[in-house]
Amino acid sequence: MKSEEVTFKSGVSDELKSLIRG
């Protein structure tokens, strides 16, 4: 995996978590 892909996926997961909490 590219470092960019890891950063993108981690960022998306963070957004999903915040949406679920909200």
N, C-alpha and C. Protein backbone atom coordinates (compact mmCIF):
# COMPACT_ATOMS: atom_id res chain seq x y z
N MET A 1 0.84 -1.21 0.00
CA MET A 1 0.00 0.00 0.00
C MET A 1 0.86 1.25 0.00
N LYS A 2 0.36 2.27 -0.65
CA LYS A 2 1.10 3.53 -0.66
C LYS A 2 0.81 4.31 0.62
N SER A 3 1.75 5.11 1.04
CA SER A 3 1.53 5.90 2.26
C SER A 3 0.31 6.81 2.07
N GLU A 4 0.09 7.26 0.83
CA GLU A 4 -1.06 8.13 0.57
C GLU A 4 -2.36 7.37 0.82
N GLU A 5 -2.40 6.11 0.39
CA GLU A 5 -3.62 5.31 0.57
C GLU A 5 -3.90 5.12 2.05
N VAL A 6 -2.86 4.85 2.83
CA VAL A 6 -3.05 4.63 4.27
C VAL A 6 -3.60 5.91 4.92
N THR A 7 -3.03 7.05 4.55
CA THR A 7 -3.50 8.32 5.12
C THR A 7 -4.94 8.58 4.74
N PHE A 8 -5.27 8.32 3.49
CA PHE A 8 -6.64 8.55 3.01
C PHE A 8 -7.62 7.65 3.75
N LYS A 9 -7.29 6.37 3.86
CA LYS A 9 -8.20 5.43 4.53
C LYS A 9 -8.36 5.79 6.01
N SER A 10 -7.26 6.15 6.65
CA SER A 10 -7.35 6.51 8.08
C SER A 10 -8.20 7.77 8.24
N GLY A 11 -8.07 8.70 7.32
CA GLY A 11 -8.86 9.93 7.40
C GLY A 11 -10.34 9.64 7.21
N VAL A 12 -10.65 8.75 6.27
CA VAL A 12 -12.06 8.39 6.02
C VAL A 12 -12.64 7.70 7.23
N SER A 13 -11.88 6.77 7.81
CA SER A 13 -12.38 6.04 8.99
C SER A 13 -12.67 7.02 10.12
N ASP A 14 -11.81 8.01 10.28
CA ASP A 14 -12.02 9.01 11.34
C ASP A 14 -13.32 9.77 11.10
N GLU A 15 -13.57 10.13 9.83
CA GLU A 15 -14.79 10.87 9.51
C GLU A 15 -16.02 10.01 9.77
N LEU A 16 -15.93 8.74 9.40
CA LEU A 16 -17.06 7.83 9.61
C LEU A 16 -17.35 7.71 11.10
N LYS A 17 -16.31 7.57 11.91
CA LYS A 17 -16.49 7.45 13.36
C LYS A 17 -17.18 8.69 13.92
N SER A 18 -16.74 9.85 13.48
CA SER A 18 -17.34 11.10 13.98
C SER A 18 -18.80 11.19 13.55
N LEU A 19 -19.10 10.73 12.32
CA LEU A 19 -20.49 10.77 11.84
C LEU A 19 -21.36 9.84 12.67
N ILE A 20 -20.85 8.66 12.97
CA ILE A 20 -21.62 7.68 13.76
C ILE A 20 -21.88 8.25 15.16
N ARG A 21 -20.86 8.87 15.75
CA ARG A 21 -21.02 9.42 17.10
C ARG A 21 -22.03 10.55 17.08
N GLY A 22 -21.93 11.39 16.05
CA GLY A 22 -22.82 12.55 15.96
C GLY A 22 -24.25 12.09 15.70
